[in-house]
């Protein structure tokens, strides 16, 4: 008598199971028909306000639903039997599973094994192509230490922009929607001077590279240049506003916005009301302004879709830089060369070259899918652009075809800044967070934010201070305050 092979035996066994399954369904259907007939007889004898035809239809529908559930239940039982058979076969071959439920253990083991294989394959296949794209949620082995040192409170509305002087005395400047700009002592947090010459929101503030002059841009369609003279007060002991807190994985204790009380402005702060030079040529809000290298010319960016280049001494318009399709959002000048970069809501930023006095060239870059909120130069040959599309990109001026690094975040990015000495990018976000990255796109830190410290509204701007002051990073937001931070990045973390 020939011996039945294992494969044919397994096939016959599966066929018998399917046959028994079919018979069980038929028995279930016939039993269901008898049951539905009995239920109809019972319903006919019951009192109900529903018509008999409607009650019969409902009964048929519920019966169909019950049959479907019974079929699913039977199939589930069959699958469980097959899983138990497979587990027994695997156990006979010497493979064991951890866990009380063998059926669940088999499924989990098979799933994890296949998942790990797929994950390893994806990593191997796409490692080269994704090396430049860095997630903002990437973990770091070392932890940067960030300490909130001082809060600068005195504006009556949100603060759009801030900047630190490049000459002595080193002070902090803020531009606010309350139509004023303020100069602050970094060490004491005291207001030193208040400029009140604008008739609209002050959207930007930048300091002259060598003289005590400030440049402010406003919603009144003008840019002002004004002189200041301040005397720094005697430094006071630093109040223990916050303990040194590791930036990574800081716990956000509450996302609720604190109630905004009326903030009293400084009473003894001297004020300036008259500008030295007023620049008028725009037909819309002047959103930003900056000094060209040398401080003899300034550039302004406006909602009228143009950027203007002015001569400081004569206040005359030298060039009108047109080409953007929508409102401009920011402008920035190179620290050592006659280069200007402007960003716009048309999802592009443009590089303007004034190094040749006889002609100026322009290059258009389309690297984002939403409004480019800012684009800034670094000391080297890089441009860093941030956008409402939740990305920040690092570009090489020598080859602007594609970014050398892309940072992906979970919130729109506002006016960014890059540290000259450490080459660290500070990203202020709409979601009240501030994150730090290096030039290769690796996340270094996230500034702490909780009920006791950090911003309670959108963070509008960040600015680094390269001088030997206690605070080396400043941020401002629409919660009417600027904050001074001390950022300590370990050398090992910077190298990564």
Protein backbone atom coordinates (compact mmCIF):
# COMPACT_ATOMS: atom_id res chain seq x y z
CA UNK A 1 0.00 0.00 0.00
CA UNK A 2 1.52 3.36 -0.97
CA UNK A 3 2.26 5.78 1.85
CA UNK A 4 0.37 9.12 1.64
CA UNK A 5 2.71 12.06 1.31
CA UNK A 6 2.69 14.92 3.86
CA UNK A 7 1.58 17.54 1.35
CA UNK A 8 -1.36 15.50 0.04
CA UNK A 9 -2.41 14.72 3.60
CA UNK A 10 -2.36 18.36 4.55
CA UNK A 11 -4.40 19.23 1.45
CA UNK A 12 -7.00 16.57 2.28
CA UNK A 13 -7.19 17.80 5.86
CA UNK A 14 -7.75 21.40 4.70
CA UNK A 15 -10.43 20.21 2.26
CA UNK A 16 -12.24 18.35 5.04
CA UNK A 17 -12.13 21.48 7.22
CA UNK A 18 -13.63 23.61 4.45
CA UNK A 19 -16.34 20.96 3.90
CA UNK A 20 -17.18 20.85 7.61
CA UNK A 21 -17.20 24.64 7.63
CA UNK A 22 -19.71 24.65 4.75
CA UNK A 23 -21.93 22.11 6.50
CA UNK A 24 -21.87 24.11 9.72
CA UNK A 25 -22.97 27.23 7.83
CA UNK A 26 -25.84 25.33 6.19
CA UNK A 27 -26.94 23.97 9.53
CA UNK A 28 -26.75 27.47 10.93
CA UNK A 29 -28.84 28.86 8.07
CA UNK A 30 -31.54 26.22 8.42
CA UNK A 31 -31.63 26.70 12.17
CA UNK A 32 -31.86 30.44 11.60
CA UNK A 33 -34.84 30.03 9.29
CA UNK A 34 -36.68 28.02 11.91
CA UNK A 35 -35.75 30.57 14.55
CA UNK A 36 -36.92 33.51 12.43
CA UNK A 37 -40.26 31.81 11.84
CA UNK A 38 -40.76 31.35 15.56
CA UNK A 39 -39.80 34.96 16.22
CA UNK A 40 -42.30 36.18 13.61
CA UNK A 41 -45.06 34.20 15.30
CA UNK A 42 -44.08 35.69 18.64
CA UNK A 43 -44.00 39.23 17.24
CA UNK A 44 -47.41 38.85 15.66
CA UNK A 45 -48.79 38.11 19.09
CA UNK A 46 -47.12 41.12 20.70
CA UNK A 47 -48.60 44.58 20.88
CA UNK A 48 -46.69 47.16 18.82
CA UNK A 49 -47.52 50.42 17.10
CA UNK A 50 -45.28 49.55 14.14
CA UNK A 51 -46.90 48.11 11.02
CA UNK A 52 -46.44 44.40 10.54
CA UNK A 53 -44.56 44.83 7.25
CA UNK A 54 -42.04 47.21 8.87
CA UNK A 55 -41.56 44.86 11.79
CA UNK A 56 -40.90 42.01 9.38
CA UNK A 57 -38.31 44.02 7.47
CA UNK A 58 -36.54 44.93 10.69
CA UNK A 59 -36.58 41.31 11.75
CA UNK A 60 -35.06 40.23 8.45
CA UNK A 61 -32.31 42.83 8.71
CA UNK A 62 -31.41 41.83 12.26
CA UNK A 63 -31.39 38.21 11.26
CA UNK A 64 -28.95 38.95 8.44
CA UNK A 65 -26.70 40.82 10.84
CA UNK A 66 -26.76 37.92 13.26
CA UNK A 67 -25.88 35.47 10.50
CA UNK A 68 -22.91 37.59 9.46
CA UNK A 69 -21.61 37.65 13.01
CA UNK A 70 -22.05 33.91 13.29
CA UNK A 71 -20.09 33.38 10.09
CA UNK A 72 -17.31 35.61 11.34
CA UNK A 73 -17.26 33.75 14.62
CA UNK A 74 -16.96 30.39 12.85
CA UNK A 75 -14.15 31.67 10.65
CA UNK A 76 -12.38 32.98 13.73
CA UNK A 77 -12.58 29.57 15.35
CA UNK A 78 -11.14 27.93 12.24
CA UNK A 79 -8.28 30.42 12.14
CA UNK A 80 -7.50 29.78 15.79
CA UNK A 81 -7.36 26.02 15.10
CA UNK A 82 -4.97 26.60 12.21
CA UNK A 83 -2.76 28.84 14.37
CA UNK A 84 -2.66 26.21 17.11
CA UNK A 85 -1.71 23.59 14.51
CA UNK A 86 1.12 25.79 13.24
CA UNK A 87 2.32 26.44 16.79
CA UNK A 88 2.36 22.72 17.53
CA UNK A 89 4.32 22.09 14.34
CA UNK A 90 6.84 24.83 15.16
CA UNK A 91 7.18 23.59 18.73
CA UNK A 92 7.90 20.11 17.39
CA UNK A 93 10.70 21.60 15.29
CA UNK A 94 12.35 23.11 18.36
CA UNK A 95 11.08 26.73 18.12
CA UNK A 96 9.51 28.16 21.25
CA UNK A 97 7.76 31.45 21.95
CA UNK A 98 7.72 33.58 25.05
CA UNK A 99 4.34 34.45 26.47
CA UNK A 100 1.32 32.65 27.79
CA UNK A 101 -0.77 32.71 24.63
CA UNK A 102 0.93 30.66 21.91
CA UNK A 103 -1.39 31.96 19.21
CA UNK A 104 -0.66 35.57 20.04
CA UNK A 105 3.02 34.79 20.48
CA UNK A 106 3.27 33.29 17.03
CA UNK A 107 1.62 36.25 15.40
CA UNK A 108 3.77 38.75 17.30
CA UNK A 109 6.99 36.90 16.55
CA UNK A 110 6.23 36.59 12.85
CA UNK A 111 5.18 40.25 12.65
CA UNK A 112 8.24 41.55 14.49
CA UNK A 113 10.55 39.38 12.39
CA UNK A 114 9.08 40.63 9.12
CA UNK A 115 9.01 44.22 10.37
CA UNK A 116 12.66 44.12 11.39
CA UNK A 117 13.63 42.68 8.03
CA UNK A 118 11.67 45.40 6.19
CA UNK A 119 13.12 48.13 8.40
CA UNK A 120 16.67 46.93 7.81
CA UNK A 121 16.05 46.76 4.07
CA UNK A 122 14.66 50.30 3.99
CA UNK A 123 17.59 51.63 5.98
CA UNK A 124 20.11 49.96 3.69
CA UNK A 125 18.36 51.03 0.49
CA UNK A 126 17.68 54.67 1.31
CA UNK A 127 20.54 55.53 3.65
CA UNK A 128 22.50 57.46 1.04
CA UNK A 129 19.55 59.42 -0.36
CA UNK A 130 18.26 60.52 3.05
CA UNK A 131 21.56 61.39 4.68
CA UNK A 132 20.98 65.12 4.16
CA UNK A 133 17.41 65.14 5.51
CA UNK A 134 17.35 65.33 9.27
CA UNK A 135 14.25 64.97 11.37
CA UNK A 136 13.67 67.51 14.11
CA UNK A 137 12.83 64.65 16.47
CA UNK A 138 16.27 63.02 16.16
CA UNK A 139 17.63 62.12 19.56
CA UNK A 140 21.06 63.22 20.70
CA UNK A 141 23.38 61.44 23.08
CA UNK A 142 24.69 64.58 24.81
CA UNK A 143 22.45 67.23 26.30
CA UNK A 144 22.84 70.95 25.85
CA UNK A 145 22.24 73.10 28.91
CA UNK A 146 19.96 76.12 28.48
CA UNK A 147 19.31 78.62 31.23
CA UNK A 148 16.76 81.41 31.17
CA UNK A 149 18.59 84.37 32.67
CA UNK A 150 16.46 87.43 32.17
CA UNK A 151 13.10 88.69 30.91
CA UNK A 152 12.76 92.10 29.28
CA UNK A 153 9.24 93.31 29.97
CA UNK A 154 7.86 96.75 29.14
CA UNK A 155 6.19 96.71 25.72
CA UNK A 156 2.42 97.02 25.57
CA UNK A 157 2.02 94.79 22.51
CA UNK A 158 3.77 91.91 20.77
CA UNK A 159 7.46 92.15 19.91
CA UNK A 160 8.20 91.46 16.24
CA UNK A 161 11.97 91.75 16.11
CA UNK A 162 15.11 92.15 18.22
CA UNK A 163 18.79 92.79 17.64
CA UNK A 164 22.03 93.27 19.57
CA UNK A 165 24.43 96.17 18.96
CA UNK A 166 27.72 95.45 17.22
CA UNK A 167 29.62 98.17 19.11
CA UNK A 168 30.12 99.17 22.72
CA UNK A 169 28.06 99.58 24.80
CA UNK A 170 26.39 96.26 24.00
CA UNK A 171 22.62 96.64 24.36
CA UNK A 172 19.52 94.79 23.22
CA UNK A 173 17.00 96.43 20.89
CA UNK A 174 13.37 95.37 20.47
CA UNK A 175 10.72 96.41 17.91
CA UNK A 176 7.09 96.16 18.91
CA UNK A 177 3.58 96.45 17.53
CA UNK A 178 2.95 99.16 20.18
CA UNK A 179 4.60 101.69 17.77
CA UNK A 180 7.84 101.83 19.77
CA UNK A 181 11.36 100.43 19.85
CA UNK A 182 13.28 99.98 23.10
CA UNK A 183 16.93 99.62 24.07
CA UNK A 184 17.68 97.40 27.07
CA UNK A 185 20.57 96.71 29.39
CA UNK A 186 21.40 93.05 28.83
CA UNK A 187 22.78 92.49 32.32
CA UNK A 188 20.05 94.22 34.34
CA UNK A 189 16.97 94.03 32.11
CA UNK A 190 16.39 97.77 32.53
CA UNK A 191 15.03 99.90 29.67
CA UNK A 192 17.66 102.45 28.63
CA UNK A 193 15.88 104.29 25.81
CA UNK A 194 12.55 104.29 24.02
CA UNK A 195 12.11 105.41 20.41
CA UNK A 196 8.61 106.75 19.64
CA UNK A 197 9.01 108.34 16.22
CA UNK A 198 6.88 105.89 14.21
CA UNK A 199 3.15 106.15 13.62
CA UNK A 200 2.66 102.42 13.09
CA UNK A 201 3.90 99.05 14.27
CA UNK A 202 7.69 98.82 14.44
CA UNK A 203 8.48 95.62 12.54
CA UNK A 204 12.28 95.54 12.51
CA UNK A 205 15.34 96.95 14.27
CA UNK A 206 19.00 96.74 13.21
CA UNK A 207 22.09 98.54 14.56
CA UNK A 208 24.84 100.32 12.58
CA UNK A 209 28.04 98.23 12.36
CA UNK A 210 30.31 100.95 13.83
CA UNK A 211 28.24 103.90 15.11
CA UNK A 212 25.51 104.34 17.69
CA UNK A 213 22.67 104.45 15.19
CA UNK A 214 19.58 102.27 14.84
CA UNK A 215 17.48 101.47 11.76
CA UNK A 216 13.80 100.68 12.26
CA UNK A 217 11.10 99.69 9.76
CA UNK A 218 7.43 100.37 10.38
CA UNK A 219 3.90 99.82 9.23
CA UNK A 220 3.65 103.57 8.57
CA UNK A 221 5.43 102.85 5.21
CA UNK A 222 8.72 104.42 6.34
CA UNK A 223 12.10 103.42 7.73
CA UNK A 224 13.83 105.61 10.30
CA UNK A 225 17.48 106.07 11.19
CA UNK A 226 17.99 107.52 14.65
CA UNK A 227 20.92 108.07 16.99
CA UNK A 228 21.07 106.94 20.57
CA UNK A 229 23.28 107.57 23.59
CA UNK A 230 22.91 105.26 26.56
CA UNK A 231 24.78 104.62 29.76
CA UNK A 232 24.77 101.11 31.15
CA UNK A 233 23.66 100.77 34.79
CA UNK A 234 25.68 98.90 37.37
CA UNK A 235 25.11 95.16 36.96
CA UNK A 236 22.97 93.58 39.67
CA UNK A 237 23.21 89.98 40.93
CA UNK A 238 21.43 87.63 38.57
CA UNK A 239 18.06 86.54 39.93
CA UNK A 240 17.52 82.80 39.98
CA UNK A 241 14.71 82.83 37.42
CA UNK A 242 15.28 79.23 36.44
CA UNK A 243 17.61 76.42 37.26
CA UNK A 244 19.91 75.09 34.61
CA UNK A 245 17.69 72.85 32.57
CA UNK A 246 18.68 70.31 29.93
CA UNK A 247 17.05 71.47 26.72
CA UNK A 248 16.23 68.09 25.24
CA UNK A 249 12.90 66.52 26.21
CA UNK A 250 11.95 69.37 28.51
CA UNK A 251 8.51 68.78 29.97
CA UNK A 252 5.87 71.25 28.89
CA UNK A 253 3.73 71.31 31.99
CA UNK A 254 0.89 73.27 30.46
CA UNK A 255 -0.17 74.43 27.03
CA UNK A 256 -2.68 76.88 28.45
CA UNK A 257 -1.94 80.50 27.76
CA UNK A 258 -1.62 82.61 30.84
CA UNK A 259 -3.86 85.62 31.11
CA UNK A 260 -2.25 88.75 29.76
CA UNK A 261 -2.40 91.51 32.28
CA UNK A 262 -1.64 95.09 31.44
CA UNK A 263 2.11 95.48 31.53
CA UNK A 264 3.26 98.82 32.83
CA UNK A 265 5.99 100.36 30.72
CA UNK A 266 9.16 101.78 32.27
CA UNK A 267 8.38 105.12 33.87
CA UNK A 268 11.94 106.47 34.06
CA UNK A 269 13.00 105.45 30.55
CA UNK A 270 14.13 108.42 28.39
CA UNK A 271 12.62 108.65 24.91
CA UNK A 272 13.55 109.83 21.42
CA UNK A 273 10.77 111.08 19.15
CA UNK A 274 12.59 112.52 16.10
CA UNK A 275 14.48 110.50 13.50
CA UNK A 276 17.80 111.61 12.05
CA UNK A 277 16.78 110.32 8.61
CA UNK A 278 13.40 109.22 7.28
CA UNK A 279 13.32 106.94 4.22
CA UNK A 280 10.12 107.27 2.18
CA UNK A 281 9.50 105.47 -1.09
CA UNK A 282 7.36 102.44 -0.31
CA UNK A 283 3.64 102.20 -0.94
CA UNK A 284 3.02 99.60 1.72
CA UNK A 285 4.13 98.34 5.12
CA UNK A 286 7.92 98.24 5.53
CA UNK A 287 8.40 94.85 7.11
CA UNK A 288 12.20 94.75 7.50
CA UNK A 289 15.39 96.77 6.98
CA UNK A 290 19.14 96.16 7.28
CA UNK A 291 22.50 97.91 6.86
CA UNK A 292 24.82 97.01 4.01
CA UNK A 293 28.45 96.30 4.88
CA UNK A 294 30.15 99.58 5.77
CA UNK A 295 26.94 101.23 6.95
CA UNK A 296 26.68 103.75 4.11
CA UNK A 297 23.60 102.16 2.52
CA UNK A 298 20.51 100.41 3.84
CA UNK A 299 17.97 98.07 2.24
CA UNK A 300 14.28 97.90 3.10
CA UNK A 301 11.65 95.26 2.31
CA UNK A 302 7.98 96.09 1.94
CA UNK A 303 4.54 94.65 1.35
CA UNK A 304 4.47 96.58 -1.92
CA UNK A 305 6.52 93.64 -3.34
CA UNK A 306 9.72 95.71 -3.66
CA UNK A 307 12.98 96.13 -1.77
CA UNK A 308 14.64 99.54 -1.87
CA UNK A 309 18.30 100.43 -1.55
CA UNK A 310 18.98 103.88 -0.02
CA UNK A 311 22.00 106.07 0.48
CA UNK A 312 22.21 106.91 4.18
CA UNK A 313 23.87 110.32 3.83
CA UNK A 314 21.47 111.71 1.21
CA UNK A 315 18.45 109.45 2.01
CA UNK A 316 18.00 109.04 -1.76
CA UNK A 317 16.69 105.91 -3.42
CA UNK A 318 19.57 104.15 -5.24
CA UNK A 319 17.86 100.99 -6.52
CA UNK A 320 14.34 99.57 -6.41
CA UNK A 321 14.61 95.78 -6.33
CA UNK A 322 11.47 94.40 -7.96
CA UNK A 323 10.50 90.94 -9.12
CA UNK A 324 8.73 89.25 -6.23
CA UNK A 325 5.13 88.29 -7.00
CA UNK A 326 3.79 88.82 -3.47
CA UNK A 327 4.58 90.74 -0.29
CA UNK A 328 8.12 90.63 1.07
CA UNK A 329 8.62 89.19 4.53
CA UNK A 330 12.28 89.84 5.33
CA UNK A 331 15.63 91.12 4.05
CA UNK A 332 19.17 90.47 5.19
CA UNK A 333 22.64 91.67 4.17
CA UNK A 334 25.91 89.75 4.06
CA UNK A 335 28.28 90.69 6.93
CA UNK A 336 31.35 91.17 4.70
CA UNK A 337 30.12 91.47 1.07
CA UNK A 338 27.65 93.63 -0.80
CA UNK A 339 25.01 90.92 -1.04
CA UNK A 340 21.32 91.13 -0.13
CA UNK A 341 18.79 88.33 0.25
CA UNK A 342 15.03 89.02 0.29
CA UNK A 343 12.24 86.56 1.12
CA UNK A 344 8.60 86.69 0.13
CA UNK A 345 5.18 85.14 0.44
CA UNK A 346 5.57 83.93 -3.16
CA UNK A 347 7.54 80.92 -1.73
CA UNK A 348 10.86 82.21 -3.11
CA UNK A 349 13.89 84.13 -1.90
CA UNK A 350 16.14 86.23 -4.10
CA UNK A 351 19.85 86.93 -3.95
CA UNK A 352 20.89 90.43 -5.08
CA UNK A 353 24.56 91.07 -5.89
CA UNK A 354 25.90 94.65 -5.64
CA UNK A 355 29.62 93.81 -5.63
CA UNK A 356 30.00 95.23 -9.14
CA UNK A 357 29.15 98.97 -8.94
CA UNK A 358 28.12 99.13 -12.60
CA UNK A 359 25.53 96.35 -12.49
CA UNK A 360 23.61 94.32 -9.97
CA UNK A 361 22.45 90.76 -10.60
CA UNK A 362 19.64 88.73 -9.10
CA UNK A 363 19.06 85.01 -8.65
CA UNK A 364 15.71 83.44 -7.74
CA UNK A 365 15.53 80.32 -5.58
CA UNK A 366 12.42 78.16 -5.25
CA UNK A 367 13.18 75.80 -2.43
CA UNK A 368 9.98 76.04 -0.36
CA UNK A 369 6.29 75.34 -0.83
CA UNK A 370 4.93 78.14 1.38
CA UNK A 371 5.84 81.64 2.52
CA UNK A 372 9.57 82.12 3.11
CA UNK A 373 9.54 83.94 6.43
CA UNK A 374 13.26 84.75 6.50
CA UNK A 375 16.56 84.08 4.77
CA UNK A 376 19.86 85.01 6.42
CA UNK A 377 23.55 84.88 5.58
CA UNK A 378 26.22 83.17 7.63
CA UNK A 379 29.81 84.34 8.00
CA UNK A 380 30.82 81.70 5.47
CA UNK A 381 29.27 81.10 2.07
CA UNK A 382 25.89 79.86 3.27
CA UNK A 383 22.31 81.06 3.27
CA UNK A 384 19.74 79.65 5.70
CA UNK A 385 16.06 79.99 4.79
CA UNK A 386 12.99 79.30 6.93
CA UNK A 387 9.40 78.92 5.83
CA UNK A 388 5.80 78.41 6.86
CA UNK A 389 6.07 74.98 5.20
CA UNK A 390 7.77 73.87 8.43
CA UNK A 391 11.21 73.44 6.92
CA UNK A 392 14.55 75.20 7.21
CA UNK A 393 17.15 74.75 4.48
CA UNK A 394 20.87 75.44 4.40
CA UNK A 395 22.29 76.53 1.03
CA UNK A 396 25.79 76.92 -0.35
CA UNK A 397 26.26 80.22 -2.19
CA UNK A 398 28.64 78.52 -4.62
CA UNK A 399 26.03 75.93 -5.61
CA UNK A 400 22.42 76.93 -4.94
CA UNK A 401 20.79 74.18 -7.01
CA UNK A 402 19.86 72.11 -3.98
CA UNK A 403 20.18 72.59 -0.21
CA UNK A 404 23.05 70.96 1.62
CA UNK A 405 20.80 70.27 4.63
CA UNK A 406 17.06 70.23 5.26
CA UNK A 407 15.52 70.55 8.71
CA UNK A 408 11.91 69.41 9.10
CA UNK A 409 9.91 70.73 12.06
CA UNK A 410 6.40 70.44 13.43
CA UNK A 411 5.51 74.14 13.22
CA UNK A 412 5.97 77.18 10.99
CA UNK A 413 9.35 78.89 11.36
CA UNK A 414 9.69 82.65 11.88
CA UNK A 415 12.78 84.92 11.78
CA UNK A 416 15.80 82.69 12.28
CA UNK A 417 19.35 83.64 13.29
CA UNK A 418 22.75 81.96 13.02
CA UNK A 419 25.51 82.24 15.60
CA UNK A 420 28.72 83.61 14.11
CA UNK A 421 31.10 81.80 16.46
CA UNK A 422 29.36 78.47 17.00
CA UNK A 423 27.39 78.34 13.73
CA UNK A 424 24.19 77.31 15.50
CA UNK A 425 20.77 78.03 13.97
CA UNK A 426 18.03 79.22 16.32
CA UNK A 427 14.51 78.50 15.07
CA UNK A 428 11.56 80.40 16.62
CA UNK A 429 8.23 78.68 15.99
CA UNK A 430 4.55 79.52 15.88
CA UNK A 431 3.92 76.86 18.54
CA UNK A 432 5.95 78.82 21.16
CA UNK A 433 9.00 76.56 20.91
CA UNK A 434 12.60 77.51 20.09
CA UNK A 435 14.90 74.83 18.71
CA UNK A 436 18.65 74.85 18.02
CA UNK A 437 20.34 73.05 15.11
CA UNK A 438 23.83 72.91 13.68
CA UNK A 439 24.64 73.73 10.06
CA UNK A 440 24.43 70.10 9.02
CA UNK A 441 20.83 69.91 10.22
CA UNK A 442 21.32 67.96 13.47
CA UNK A 443 19.16 69.09 16.36
CA UNK A 444 21.17 70.27 19.35
CA UNK A 445 18.56 71.48 21.81
CA UNK A 446 15.06 72.72 22.52
CA UNK A 447 14.73 75.66 24.87
CA UNK A 448 12.66 74.90 27.98
CA UNK A 449 9.08 76.11 28.03
CA UNK A 450 6.67 75.61 30.92
CA UNK A 451 4.40 77.55 33.23
CA UNK A 452 7.40 79.21 34.83
CA UNK A 453 9.62 80.03 31.87
CA UNK A 454 9.61 80.46 28.13
CA UNK A 455 7.19 82.18 25.78
CA UNK A 456 3.41 81.94 26.12
CA UNK A 457 2.65 83.08 22.58
CA UNK A 458 4.16 82.73 19.12
CA UNK A 459 7.93 83.28 19.09
CA UNK A 460 8.63 85.85 16.37
CA UNK A 461 12.40 86.23 16.23
CA UNK A 462 15.74 85.11 17.62
CA UNK A 463 19.12 86.88 17.79
CA UNK A 464 22.56 85.78 18.93
CA UNK A 465 25.00 87.88 20.94
CA UNK A 466 28.66 87.11 20.24
CA UNK A 467 30.11 89.41 22.94
CA UNK A 468 31.09 88.26 26.39
CA UNK A 469 27.72 88.79 28.02
CA UNK A 470 25.78 86.48 30.31
CA UNK A 471 23.08 86.00 27.67
CA UNK A 472 24.18 84.71 24.29
CA UNK A 473 20.74 84.13 22.74
CA UNK A 474 17.65 86.34 22.75
CA UNK A 475 14.12 85.52 21.69
CA UNK A 476 10.97 87.61 21.49
CA UNK A 477 7.33 86.83 20.93
CA UNK A 478 3.81 88.07 20.86
CA UNK A 479 3.56 87.63 24.63
CA UNK A 480 5.08 91.15 24.87
CA UNK A 481 8.42 90.04 26.28
CA UNK A 482 11.96 89.31 25.20
CA UNK A 483 13.99 86.61 26.94
CA UNK A 484 17.73 86.29 27.39
CA UNK A 485 19.18 82.77 27.46
CA UNK A 486 22.55 81.28 28.26
CA UNK A 487 23.20 78.38 25.87
CA UNK A 488 25.98 75.93 26.69
CA UNK A 489 26.55 73.49 23.82
CA UNK A 490 29.08 70.75 24.63
CA UNK A 491 31.94 70.58 22.14
CA UNK A 492 31.23 66.89 21.51
CA UNK A 493 27.64 67.71 20.59
CA UNK A 494 28.71 70.48 18.20
CA UNK A 495 31.05 68.11 16.38
CA UNK A 496 28.17 65.76 15.69
